[in-house]
N, C-alpha and C. Protein backbone atom coordinates (compact mmCIF):
# COMPACT_ATOMS: atom_id res chain seq x y z
N MET A 1 -17.49 4.31 30.74
CA MET A 1 -17.35 3.57 29.45
C MET A 1 -17.47 2.09 29.75
N SER A 2 -18.17 1.42 28.91
CA SER A 2 -18.37 -0.02 29.07
C SER A 2 -17.08 -0.76 28.77
N ARG A 3 -16.83 -1.83 29.53
CA ARG A 3 -15.61 -2.66 29.28
C ARG A 3 -15.99 -3.87 28.42
N THR A 4 -17.21 -3.94 27.97
CA THR A 4 -17.62 -5.07 27.16
C THR A 4 -16.86 -5.07 25.86
N LYS A 5 -16.19 -6.20 25.54
CA LYS A 5 -15.54 -6.32 24.27
C LYS A 5 -16.54 -6.82 23.23
N THR A 6 -16.55 -6.15 22.11
CA THR A 6 -17.42 -6.60 21.06
C THR A 6 -16.79 -6.25 19.68
N LEU A 7 -17.07 -7.10 18.77
CA LEU A 7 -16.67 -6.88 17.41
C LEU A 7 -17.57 -5.91 16.69
N ARG A 8 -18.63 -5.57 17.32
CA ARG A 8 -19.65 -4.71 16.68
C ARG A 8 -19.76 -3.31 17.27
N SER A 9 -18.75 -2.90 18.03
CA SER A 9 -18.77 -1.57 18.64
C SER A 9 -18.56 -0.55 17.46
N PRO A 10 -19.07 0.66 17.65
CA PRO A 10 -18.87 1.70 16.60
C PRO A 10 -17.42 1.90 16.27
N ALA A 11 -16.58 1.96 17.23
CA ALA A 11 -15.14 2.17 16.95
C ALA A 11 -14.55 0.98 16.19
N GLN A 12 -14.87 -0.24 16.55
CA GLN A 12 -14.34 -1.40 15.88
C GLN A 12 -14.83 -1.43 14.41
N MET A 13 -16.10 -1.09 14.20
CA MET A 13 -16.63 -1.09 12.83
C MET A 13 -15.98 0.02 12.01
N GLU A 14 -15.64 1.16 12.65
CA GLU A 14 -14.97 2.24 11.94
C GLU A 14 -13.56 1.79 11.59
N LEU A 15 -12.91 1.08 12.47
CA LEU A 15 -11.55 0.57 12.17
C LEU A 15 -11.58 -0.38 11.00
N GLN A 16 -12.54 -1.26 10.98
CA GLN A 16 -12.67 -2.21 9.80
C GLN A 16 -12.82 -1.43 8.53
N LYS A 17 -13.67 -0.42 8.53
CA LYS A 17 -13.95 0.40 7.35
C LYS A 17 -12.69 1.12 6.91
N LEU A 18 -11.96 1.68 7.86
CA LEU A 18 -10.75 2.40 7.51
C LEU A 18 -9.61 1.50 7.00
N LEU A 19 -9.48 0.33 7.58
CA LEU A 19 -8.47 -0.63 7.13
C LEU A 19 -8.73 -1.07 5.69
N LYS A 20 -10.01 -1.38 5.44
CA LYS A 20 -10.35 -1.78 4.05
C LYS A 20 -10.13 -0.64 3.07
N ALA A 21 -10.59 0.55 3.47
CA ALA A 21 -10.43 1.70 2.56
C ALA A 21 -8.93 1.96 2.27
N ALA A 22 -8.08 1.83 3.26
CA ALA A 22 -6.61 2.05 3.07
C ALA A 22 -6.07 1.01 2.08
N ARG A 23 -6.53 -0.26 2.28
CA ARG A 23 -6.02 -1.30 1.38
C ARG A 23 -6.48 -1.03 -0.05
N VAL A 24 -7.76 -0.70 -0.26
CA VAL A 24 -8.29 -0.43 -1.56
C VAL A 24 -7.59 0.75 -2.18
N GLN A 25 -7.39 1.86 -1.42
CA GLN A 25 -6.78 3.03 -1.93
C GLN A 25 -5.35 2.72 -2.35
N ALA A 26 -4.69 1.81 -1.66
CA ALA A 26 -3.32 1.42 -2.03
C ALA A 26 -3.27 0.52 -3.24
N GLY A 27 -4.44 0.08 -3.70
CA GLY A 27 -4.52 -0.80 -4.86
C GLY A 27 -4.09 -2.22 -4.53
N LEU A 28 -4.25 -2.64 -3.31
CA LEU A 28 -3.80 -3.98 -2.84
C LEU A 28 -5.01 -4.92 -2.69
N SER A 29 -4.77 -6.15 -3.06
CA SER A 29 -5.78 -7.21 -2.81
C SER A 29 -5.64 -7.69 -1.39
N GLN A 30 -6.66 -8.36 -0.91
CA GLN A 30 -6.52 -9.03 0.44
C GLN A 30 -5.44 -10.02 0.40
N LEU A 31 -5.23 -10.71 -0.72
CA LEU A 31 -4.19 -11.73 -0.83
C LEU A 31 -2.81 -11.08 -0.73
N SER A 32 -2.62 -9.93 -1.38
CA SER A 32 -1.27 -9.32 -1.34
C SER A 32 -0.95 -8.81 0.07
N VAL A 33 -1.93 -8.33 0.79
CA VAL A 33 -1.79 -7.89 2.18
C VAL A 33 -1.47 -9.10 3.06
N ALA A 34 -2.22 -10.14 2.82
CA ALA A 34 -2.02 -11.36 3.60
C ALA A 34 -0.58 -11.90 3.41
N GLU A 35 -0.11 -11.93 2.15
CA GLU A 35 1.19 -12.39 1.91
C GLU A 35 2.25 -11.54 2.58
N GLY A 36 2.06 -10.24 2.54
CA GLY A 36 3.00 -9.31 3.21
C GLY A 36 3.00 -9.52 4.74
N MET A 37 1.94 -10.00 5.28
CA MET A 37 1.85 -10.23 6.73
C MET A 37 2.16 -11.67 7.14
N GLY A 38 2.34 -12.52 6.15
CA GLY A 38 2.57 -13.93 6.46
C GLY A 38 1.25 -14.63 6.90
N TRP A 39 0.13 -14.14 6.43
CA TRP A 39 -1.14 -14.66 6.79
C TRP A 39 -1.81 -15.30 5.58
N ARG A 40 -3.01 -15.85 5.78
CA ARG A 40 -3.86 -16.35 4.68
C ARG A 40 -4.79 -15.21 4.30
N GLN A 41 -5.27 -15.24 3.05
CA GLN A 41 -6.22 -14.22 2.60
C GLN A 41 -7.45 -14.21 3.45
N ALA A 42 -7.90 -15.37 3.91
CA ALA A 42 -9.11 -15.47 4.76
C ALA A 42 -8.95 -14.66 6.05
N ASP A 43 -7.71 -14.57 6.56
CA ASP A 43 -7.48 -13.79 7.80
C ASP A 43 -7.76 -12.30 7.58
N ILE A 44 -7.32 -11.78 6.44
CA ILE A 44 -7.58 -10.38 6.12
C ILE A 44 -9.09 -10.15 5.92
N SER A 45 -9.71 -11.09 5.23
CA SER A 45 -11.16 -11.02 5.04
C SER A 45 -11.88 -10.96 6.41
N LYS A 46 -11.47 -11.79 7.34
CA LYS A 46 -12.10 -11.81 8.68
C LYS A 46 -11.84 -10.51 9.39
N VAL A 47 -10.70 -9.89 9.26
CA VAL A 47 -10.49 -8.60 9.91
C VAL A 47 -11.45 -7.55 9.27
N GLU A 48 -11.50 -7.52 8.01
CA GLU A 48 -12.36 -6.51 7.31
C GLU A 48 -13.81 -6.75 7.58
N ALA A 49 -14.23 -7.96 7.82
CA ALA A 49 -15.62 -8.33 8.03
C ALA A 49 -15.99 -8.23 9.52
N GLY A 50 -15.02 -8.00 10.38
CA GLY A 50 -15.31 -7.85 11.79
C GLY A 50 -15.40 -9.18 12.51
N GLU A 51 -14.83 -10.24 11.96
CA GLU A 51 -14.87 -11.53 12.56
C GLU A 51 -13.60 -11.79 13.37
N ARG A 52 -12.62 -10.93 13.21
CA ARG A 52 -11.33 -11.07 13.87
C ARG A 52 -10.76 -9.67 14.19
N ARG A 53 -10.26 -9.54 15.40
CA ARG A 53 -9.57 -8.29 15.79
C ARG A 53 -8.09 -8.38 15.52
N LEU A 54 -7.43 -7.21 15.39
CA LEU A 54 -6.03 -7.12 15.30
C LEU A 54 -5.47 -6.72 16.66
N ASP A 55 -4.33 -7.30 17.03
CA ASP A 55 -3.63 -6.70 18.17
C ASP A 55 -2.79 -5.56 17.68
N VAL A 56 -2.20 -4.80 18.58
CA VAL A 56 -1.46 -3.59 18.19
C VAL A 56 -0.27 -3.91 17.33
N VAL A 57 0.41 -4.98 17.53
CA VAL A 57 1.55 -5.32 16.70
C VAL A 57 1.07 -5.68 15.28
N GLU A 58 0.00 -6.42 15.19
CA GLU A 58 -0.59 -6.76 13.86
C GLU A 58 -1.03 -5.49 13.15
N PHE A 59 -1.63 -4.57 13.87
CA PHE A 59 -2.07 -3.28 13.30
C PHE A 59 -0.92 -2.53 12.67
N VAL A 60 0.18 -2.41 13.42
CA VAL A 60 1.38 -1.70 12.97
C VAL A 60 1.97 -2.45 11.74
N ARG A 61 2.01 -3.75 11.80
CA ARG A 61 2.51 -4.55 10.65
C ARG A 61 1.65 -4.31 9.39
N MET A 62 0.31 -4.30 9.61
CA MET A 62 -0.59 -4.07 8.48
C MET A 62 -0.35 -2.65 7.93
N ALA A 63 -0.11 -1.69 8.77
CA ALA A 63 0.17 -0.31 8.33
C ALA A 63 1.40 -0.30 7.43
N ARG A 64 2.38 -1.01 7.80
CA ARG A 64 3.58 -1.05 7.00
C ARG A 64 3.38 -1.75 5.67
N VAL A 65 2.61 -2.83 5.67
CA VAL A 65 2.35 -3.55 4.45
C VAL A 65 1.51 -2.73 3.45
N VAL A 66 0.45 -2.14 3.99
CA VAL A 66 -0.51 -1.38 3.21
C VAL A 66 0.01 0.02 2.87
N GLY A 67 0.81 0.58 3.79
CA GLY A 67 1.37 1.93 3.58
C GLY A 67 0.52 3.03 4.12
N PHE A 68 -0.28 2.79 5.20
CA PHE A 68 -1.04 3.85 5.84
C PHE A 68 -0.32 4.32 7.13
N ASN A 69 -0.68 5.50 7.59
CA ASN A 69 -0.16 6.02 8.81
C ASN A 69 -1.00 5.53 9.99
N PRO A 70 -0.42 4.71 10.86
CA PRO A 70 -1.22 4.14 11.98
C PRO A 70 -1.69 5.26 12.92
N ASP A 71 -0.88 6.29 13.10
CA ASP A 71 -1.30 7.39 13.97
C ASP A 71 -2.57 8.07 13.51
N LYS A 72 -2.72 8.26 12.20
CA LYS A 72 -3.85 8.88 11.60
C LYS A 72 -5.09 8.08 11.84
N ILE A 73 -4.96 6.73 11.62
CA ILE A 73 -6.10 5.83 11.84
C ILE A 73 -6.48 5.86 13.30
N LEU A 74 -5.50 5.84 14.21
CA LEU A 74 -5.83 5.79 15.64
C LEU A 74 -6.53 7.11 16.09
N ARG A 75 -6.11 8.22 15.49
CA ARG A 75 -6.78 9.49 15.84
C ARG A 75 -8.27 9.47 15.37
N MET A 76 -8.49 8.87 14.20
CA MET A 76 -9.86 8.77 13.67
C MET A 76 -10.71 7.85 14.58
N ILE A 77 -10.10 6.77 15.04
CA ILE A 77 -10.82 5.90 15.97
C ILE A 77 -11.11 6.56 17.28
N ASP A 78 -10.11 7.32 17.79
CA ASP A 78 -10.28 8.08 19.02
C ASP A 78 -11.45 9.02 18.94
N ALA A 79 -11.64 9.59 17.78
CA ALA A 79 -12.73 10.54 17.65
C ALA A 79 -14.12 9.84 17.70
N VAL A 80 -14.16 8.59 17.28
CA VAL A 80 -15.38 7.83 17.34
C VAL A 80 -15.73 7.45 18.81
N LEU A 81 -14.69 7.34 19.61
CA LEU A 81 -14.90 6.97 21.03
C LEU A 81 -15.47 8.06 21.84
N ASP A 82 -15.33 9.33 21.42
CA ASP A 82 -15.82 10.44 22.18
C ASP A 82 -17.30 10.49 22.25
């Protein structure tokens, strides 16, 4: 497996898609998620657009704010890596 870090890997793009879908399904705006995380709306936009990565702590915080199961998302990303 390549150790090259990229914002355009299939798994990273799948994560972006899943995070946005979870937010939309929860009926939340980027602004409301940003406020819940103590961020700016532009930061959420950058995550969803693939311009910024989340670290694991930010990912779990976003899961709490949006209300998605982080384990489920991680399993879906793991499947993309196979």
